[in-house]
Amino acid sequence: MVTKPTIPTEGSGSSRLIGSIRAVGYNAGGTLKAATVTSEYPNLKVLLDADTLEVDDEIIICNPHLLPYTETVRINDQVSTIVYDSKLKAGVRVLVFEPEHQQQLYVLSLSDE
């Protein structure tokens, strides 16, 4: 029998976020994990906590707002382009979702741990 976790009220901000995501977006087909970026984009690699092998960029699907991108905005009738740098530097902690089949890894967000 599968039970749905409850929303945590104690712990650090990141542990409460992970607990809330598990409770609200519960998916029996995968696991939410913490990881560390070991190599920067475009050859992105991450190391999952408690693992010894890095995950290559071939199976990583990443939140596009964590990668470098540009955005064109209009403020007071003036057009300007904003360039955002990659947030995925080596050593940065991230939250990832690993599906049950372990053939893809979704980098969701930066972690505050």
Foldseek 3Di string as FASTA:
>chain_A
DDDAQDQDDDDDPQVSVLSVCCRPVPDPFWHKFKWFWADDPPFTWIGTPPDDDIDTPPQEDEDCVQDWDKDWDADPNDIDIDTDHHNRDGGWMFIWIAGNVRRHIYTYGTGPD
